Amino acid sequence: MAILNSNPEILLRKRKNADRKRIEKQEQAHEKLLKQKRQRKTQQKNKFIRAETLVSNNKSNALEKKRIRNLTKKQQQEQADSVSQSKEDDDDENKLLFIIRIPNHTKGLRIPNKASKILNVLKLTQTNTGVFVKATPTTFSLLNLIAPYIIVGKPSLASIRKLFQKRACILTQVQEDDEEIPVKKIIKLDNNQLVEDQFGEDLGLICIEDLIYELTNLSDNFVSITNWLLPFKLNPPINGWGPQAKLAKLIYKNDETLKPVISLSQDFKLSEVEDIDKIIDQQN
């Protein structure tokens, strides 16, 4: 026996109209994005670029490619002598690092493919974002390749708590009233219930403090927690990253703690910031 639809005709019409309007809005938004992309392309084509800028950009790109080639050669040589190198790398293990993405040191620089892939894996595609990383010999070899684009340091427990209190966000599915299908949305991690729903049954974590404890102790759940968390979005420094800020840092002798040293030599090593807590406080 066929089941009749008990909903009134007015309600069915309202639902049809709501669906039609929603689809129209989505199409309009898509068309708007395409139009903006076309306008950007035309603006870039018509934009006047000085010859000095083209030469400078080309030279900086060539130097960056050369630096990565030298580093990859050095790492391949070190892999051959892995037995002797392992003793030196033991001191770098069992350490939590916080990585902050900074703007490119040259405005027109194109990041090489190797470095861009590492930044994508670390989810550091935007400037002034930070992630937690476990220090291992493998991670240090990868961080050397992206050293000009990041600041690395060992954060204190107080700084980690501040980051979670102010900047921790996750991507979750939220059921909205207008939509039948759940929509992915970025929400702030300010509720212990979210942690319990995600890790309560599998890992036994029930609050944000448990996440902080697992990260600081570099437990086996480190990867699953960092994958669940979105990168911490920080504020840019008050002085910015421009030439005036660089001059101010030189005057106050803080240039070494805020900007990594760029080198093209094969023995280049990643320079860690001693006082990363100060930088986190400035940008938090």
Protein backbone atom coordinates (compact mmCIF):
# COMPACT_ATOMS: atom_id res chain seq x y z
CA MET A 1 0.00 0.00 0.00
CA ALA A 2 1.41 3.42 -1.00
CA ILE A 3 2.11 5.87 1.83
CA LEU A 4 0.60 9.31 1.26
CA ASN A 5 2.61 12.42 2.03
CA SER A 6 0.94 14.02 5.05
CA ASN A 7 2.78 17.36 4.71
CA PRO A 8 0.55 20.26 3.62
CA GLU A 9 1.02 21.76 0.16
CA ILE A 10 2.15 25.16 1.53
CA LEU A 11 5.00 23.54 3.47
CA LEU A 12 6.13 21.59 0.40
CA ARG A 13 6.15 24.77 -1.70
CA LYS A 14 8.19 26.60 0.96
CA ARG A 15 10.76 23.80 0.95
CA LYS A 16 10.97 23.87 -2.86
CA ASN A 17 11.45 27.61 -2.86
CA ALA A 18 14.10 27.39 -0.13
CA ASP A 19 16.02 24.74 -2.12
CA ARG A 20 15.77 26.80 -5.32
CA LYS A 21 17.01 29.96 -3.55
CA ARG A 22 19.89 28.06 -1.94
CA ILE A 23 21.02 26.68 -5.32
CA GLU A 24 20.74 30.14 -6.90
CA LYS A 25 22.86 31.66 -4.12
CA GLN A 26 25.51 28.98 -4.56
CA GLU A 27 25.63 29.58 -8.32
CA GLN A 28 25.86 33.35 -7.81
CA ALA A 29 28.70 32.93 -5.31
CA HIS A 30 30.53 30.61 -7.73
CA GLU A 31 30.12 33.10 -10.60
CA LYS A 32 31.35 35.91 -8.36
CA LEU A 33 34.50 33.96 -7.50
CA LEU A 34 35.18 33.23 -11.17
CA LYS A 35 34.69 36.90 -12.04
CA GLN A 36 37.13 37.95 -9.30
CA LYS A 37 39.72 35.45 -10.58
CA ARG A 38 39.40 36.82 -14.12
CA GLN A 39 39.79 40.39 -12.84
CA ARG A 40 42.93 39.43 -10.90
CA LYS A 41 44.44 37.77 -13.98
CA THR A 42 43.77 40.82 -16.14
CA GLN A 43 45.19 43.12 -13.46
CA GLN A 44 48.34 41.01 -13.22
CA LYS A 45 48.75 41.02 -17.01
CA ASN A 46 48.33 44.78 -17.26
CA LYS A 47 50.48 45.50 -14.21
CA PHE A 48 53.74 47.29 -15.00
CA ILE A 49 56.81 45.53 -13.60
CA ARG A 50 60.18 47.23 -13.59
CA ALA A 51 63.15 45.46 -15.17
CA GLU A 52 65.09 45.68 -11.88
CA THR A 53 62.30 43.80 -10.11
CA LEU A 54 62.30 41.01 -12.70
CA VAL A 55 66.10 40.63 -12.43
CA SER A 56 65.95 40.62 -8.61
CA ASN A 57 63.16 38.04 -8.51
CA ASN A 58 64.93 35.82 -11.02
CA LYS A 59 68.20 35.98 -9.06
CA SER A 60 66.52 35.25 -5.71
CA ASN A 61 64.68 32.26 -7.20
CA ALA A 62 67.93 30.90 -8.63
CA LEU A 63 69.70 31.32 -5.26
CA GLU A 64 66.86 29.56 -3.41
CA LYS A 65 66.95 26.61 -5.83
CA LYS A 66 70.72 26.43 -5.40
CA ARG A 67 70.36 26.40 -1.60
CA ILE A 68 67.89 23.50 -1.71
CA ARG A 69 70.11 21.55 -4.14
CA ASN A 70 73.09 21.98 -1.82
CA LEU A 71 71.07 20.87 1.20
CA THR A 72 69.70 17.77 -0.53
CA LYS A 73 73.24 16.78 -1.55
CA LYS A 74 74.41 17.26 2.03
CA GLN A 75 71.52 15.18 3.40
CA GLN A 76 72.24 12.34 0.96
CA GLN A 77 75.86 12.29 2.14
CA GLU A 78 74.69 12.22 5.78
CA GLN A 79 72.34 9.29 5.09
CA ALA A 80 75.34 7.26 3.93
CA ASP A 81 77.03 7.88 7.30
CA SER A 82 73.84 7.32 9.34
CA VAL A 83 75.60 5.29 12.05
CA SER A 84 77.97 8.07 13.05
CA GLN A 85 75.28 10.72 12.67
CA SER A 86 72.77 8.94 14.94
CA LYS A 87 74.83 9.66 18.06
CA GLU A 88 74.69 13.41 17.42
CA ASP A 89 70.93 13.34 16.69
CA ASP A 90 70.06 11.61 19.99
CA ASP A 91 70.30 14.94 21.80
CA ASP A 92 67.73 16.53 19.44
CA GLU A 93 65.10 13.83 20.10
CA ASN A 94 62.35 13.98 22.72
CA LYS A 95 61.79 17.69 22.21
CA LEU A 96 58.65 19.65 21.31
CA LEU A 97 59.05 22.41 18.71
CA PHE A 98 56.70 25.21 17.70
CA ILE A 99 57.04 26.44 14.11
CA ILE A 100 55.79 29.87 12.98
CA ARG A 101 55.42 30.68 9.28
CA ILE A 102 56.86 34.07 8.33
CA PRO A 103 56.61 36.00 5.02
CA ASN A 104 59.13 35.30 2.27
CA HIS A 105 62.40 37.19 2.66
CA THR A 106 62.01 38.39 -0.96
CA LYS A 107 58.68 39.73 -2.23
CA GLY A 108 58.69 38.07 -5.66
CA LEU A 109 60.21 34.78 -4.49
CA ARG A 110 58.67 31.55 -5.78
CA ILE A 111 59.05 28.78 -3.25
CA PRO A 112 60.57 25.65 -4.86
CA ASN A 113 58.46 22.49 -5.11
CA LYS A 114 60.32 20.59 -2.38
CA ALA A 115 59.91 23.40 0.16
CA SER A 116 56.27 24.08 -0.78
CA LYS A 117 55.38 20.38 -0.36
CA ILE A 118 56.90 20.37 3.15
CA LEU A 119 54.97 23.54 4.05
CA ASN A 120 51.75 21.94 2.79
CA VAL A 121 52.35 18.80 4.86
CA LEU A 122 52.94 20.94 7.95
CA LYS A 123 49.78 22.97 7.08
CA LEU A 124 51.85 26.19 7.06
CA THR A 125 50.42 27.62 3.83
CA GLN A 126 49.55 31.00 5.39
CA THR A 127 51.85 33.48 7.10
CA ASN A 128 51.63 34.03 10.88
CA THR A 129 50.39 30.50 11.52
CA GLY A 130 52.03 27.99 13.86
CA VAL A 131 52.05 24.22 14.45
CA PHE A 132 53.59 21.81 16.95
CA VAL A 133 56.18 19.32 15.69
CA LYS A 134 58.08 16.49 17.35
CA ALA A 135 61.84 16.93 16.95
CA THR A 136 63.46 13.96 15.20
CA PRO A 137 66.44 13.70 12.84
CA THR A 138 63.99 13.38 9.92
CA THR A 139 62.05 16.50 10.87
CA PHE A 140 65.26 18.51 11.30
CA SER A 141 66.43 17.55 7.80
CA LEU A 142 63.05 18.69 6.40
CA LEU A 143 63.00 21.90 8.44
CA ASN A 144 66.42 22.82 7.05
CA LEU A 145 64.85 23.02 3.59
CA ILE A 146 62.19 25.52 4.71
CA ALA A 147 64.39 27.45 7.16
CA PRO A 148 64.03 30.88 5.45
CA TYR A 149 60.23 30.71 5.73
CA ILE A 150 59.84 29.67 9.39
CA ILE A 151 60.84 30.44 12.97
CA VAL A 152 61.50 27.41 15.20
CA GLY A 153 61.79 27.19 18.97
CA LYS A 154 60.99 25.14 22.04
CA PRO A 155 57.88 26.60 23.75
CA SER A 156 57.25 26.59 27.49
CA LEU A 157 54.19 25.03 29.13
CA ALA A 158 52.72 28.49 29.81
CA SER A 159 52.99 29.45 26.12
CA ILE A 160 51.32 26.19 25.05
CA ARG A 161 48.42 26.85 27.43
CA LYS A 162 48.05 30.42 26.11
CA LEU A 163 47.93 29.15 22.53
CA PHE A 164 45.21 26.63 23.39
CA GLN A 165 43.19 29.19 25.35
CA LYS A 166 43.27 31.89 22.64
CA ARG A 167 44.04 30.28 19.27
CA ALA A 168 43.10 26.58 19.21
CA CYS A 169 40.59 25.77 16.43
CA ILE A 170 39.27 22.60 14.81
CA LEU A 171 37.35 21.68 11.67
CA THR A 172 34.08 19.95 12.45
CA GLN A 173 30.74 19.14 10.82
CA VAL A 174 27.87 21.33 12.03
CA GLN A 175 24.18 20.73 11.31
CA GLU A 176 22.57 24.03 10.36
CA ASP A 177 18.83 24.72 10.31
CA ASP A 178 18.62 25.54 6.59
CA GLU A 179 20.85 22.71 5.43
CA GLU A 180 19.94 19.02 5.51
CA ILE A 181 23.55 17.85 5.05
CA PRO A 182 26.13 18.74 7.77
CA VAL A 183 28.48 21.57 6.76
CA LYS A 184 32.20 21.71 7.58
CA LYS A 185 32.92 24.68 9.80
CA ILE A 186 35.92 26.04 11.73
CA ILE A 187 35.09 26.42 15.42
CA LYS A 188 37.13 27.45 18.45
CA LEU A 189 38.30 24.67 20.76
CA ASP A 190 36.90 26.09 24.00
CA ASN A 191 34.81 23.14 25.15
CA ASN A 192 36.02 19.92 26.79
CA GLN A 193 33.06 18.06 25.29
CA LEU A 194 34.60 18.39 21.82
CA VAL A 195 37.74 16.62 23.02
CA GLU A 196 35.74 13.87 24.70
CA ASP A 197 33.63 13.29 21.57
CA GLN A 198 36.76 13.00 19.41
CA PHE A 199 39.18 11.05 21.63
CA GLY A 200 37.13 9.84 24.61
CA GLU A 201 36.38 6.31 23.40
CA ASP A 202 39.64 5.57 21.55
CA LEU A 203 42.33 7.38 23.57
CA GLY A 204 40.58 8.26 26.84
CA LEU A 205 41.19 12.01 26.53
CA ILE A 206 38.35 14.06 28.02
CA CYS A 207 39.59 17.67 28.28
CA ILE A 208 41.91 20.25 26.69
CA GLU A 209 44.43 19.84 29.50
CA ASP A 210 44.80 16.19 28.45
CA LEU A 211 45.76 17.36 24.94
CA ILE A 212 48.39 19.72 26.38
CA TYR A 213 49.78 16.90 28.54
CA GLU A 214 50.00 14.53 25.56
CA LEU A 215 51.77 17.13 23.41
CA THR A 216 54.30 18.18 26.05
CA ASN A 217 55.18 14.56 26.84
CA LEU A 218 55.35 13.60 23.13
CA SER A 219 53.12 10.57 23.61
CA ASP A 220 52.03 8.05 20.97
CA ASN A 221 48.88 10.13 20.38
CA PHE A 222 50.92 13.14 19.22
CA VAL A 223 50.21 12.69 15.49
CA SER A 224 46.46 12.14 15.88
CA ILE A 225 46.12 15.26 18.07
CA THR A 226 48.17 17.52 15.77
CA ASN A 227 46.25 16.26 12.72
CA TRP A 228 42.95 17.11 14.44
CA LEU A 229 44.06 20.62 15.41
CA LEU A 230 44.14 23.38 12.81
CA PRO A 231 47.23 25.63 12.60
CA PHE A 232 47.25 28.33 15.29
CA LYS A 233 46.48 31.66 13.61
CA LEU A 234 48.64 34.36 15.18
CA ASN A 235 48.57 38.12 14.85
CA PRO A 236 51.40 39.74 12.89
CA PRO A 237 54.01 41.52 15.06
CA ILE A 238 53.25 45.12 16.01
CA ASN A 239 56.28 46.33 14.04
CA GLY A 240 55.44 44.02 11.12
CA TRP A 241 57.96 42.22 8.92
CA GLY A 242 58.98 45.22 6.74
CA PRO A 243 62.33 47.01 6.42
CA GLN A 244 61.59 49.43 9.28
CA ALA A 245 60.92 46.49 11.59
CA LYS A 246 64.22 44.89 10.51
CA LEU A 247 66.04 48.13 11.33
CA ALA A 248 64.39 48.29 14.75
CA LYS A 249 65.38 44.69 15.47
CA LEU A 250 68.98 45.46 14.55
CA ILE A 251 68.98 48.48 16.87
CA TYR A 252 67.66 46.47 19.79
CA LYS A 253 69.88 43.47 18.95
CA ASN A 254 66.94 41.11 18.49
CA ASP A 255 67.45 40.34 14.83
CA GLU A 256 68.97 36.91 15.53
CA THR A 257 66.03 35.82 17.68
CA LEU A 258 63.34 36.92 15.23
CA LYS A 259 64.82 36.14 11.80
CA PRO A 260 66.72 32.99 10.79
CA VAL A 261 70.08 33.36 9.08
CA ILE A 262 69.96 32.48 5.36
CA SER A 263 72.95 30.66 3.92
CA LEU A 264 73.77 28.89 0.65
CA SER A 265 76.54 26.70 2.07
CA GLN A 266 76.17 22.92 2.29
CA ASP A 267 76.80 22.88 6.06
CA PHE A 268 73.75 25.11 6.69
CA LYS A 269 71.90 24.19 9.90
CA LEU A 270 68.52 25.28 11.19
CA SER A 271 68.88 28.01 13.81
CA GLU A 272 66.48 27.65 16.72
CA VAL A 273 65.08 30.70 18.46
CA GLU A 274 66.03 30.75 22.13
CA ASP A 275 63.15 32.92 23.33
CA ILE A 276 60.19 31.75 21.23
CA ASP A 277 57.86 32.43 24.17
CA LYS A 278 58.47 36.16 23.70
CA ILE A 279 57.54 35.92 20.00
CA ILE A 280 54.38 33.95 20.84
CA ASP A 281 53.40 36.62 23.39
CA GLN A 282 53.91 39.36 20.79
CA GLN A 283 51.74 37.58 18.20
CA ASN A 284 49.19 35.92 20.50
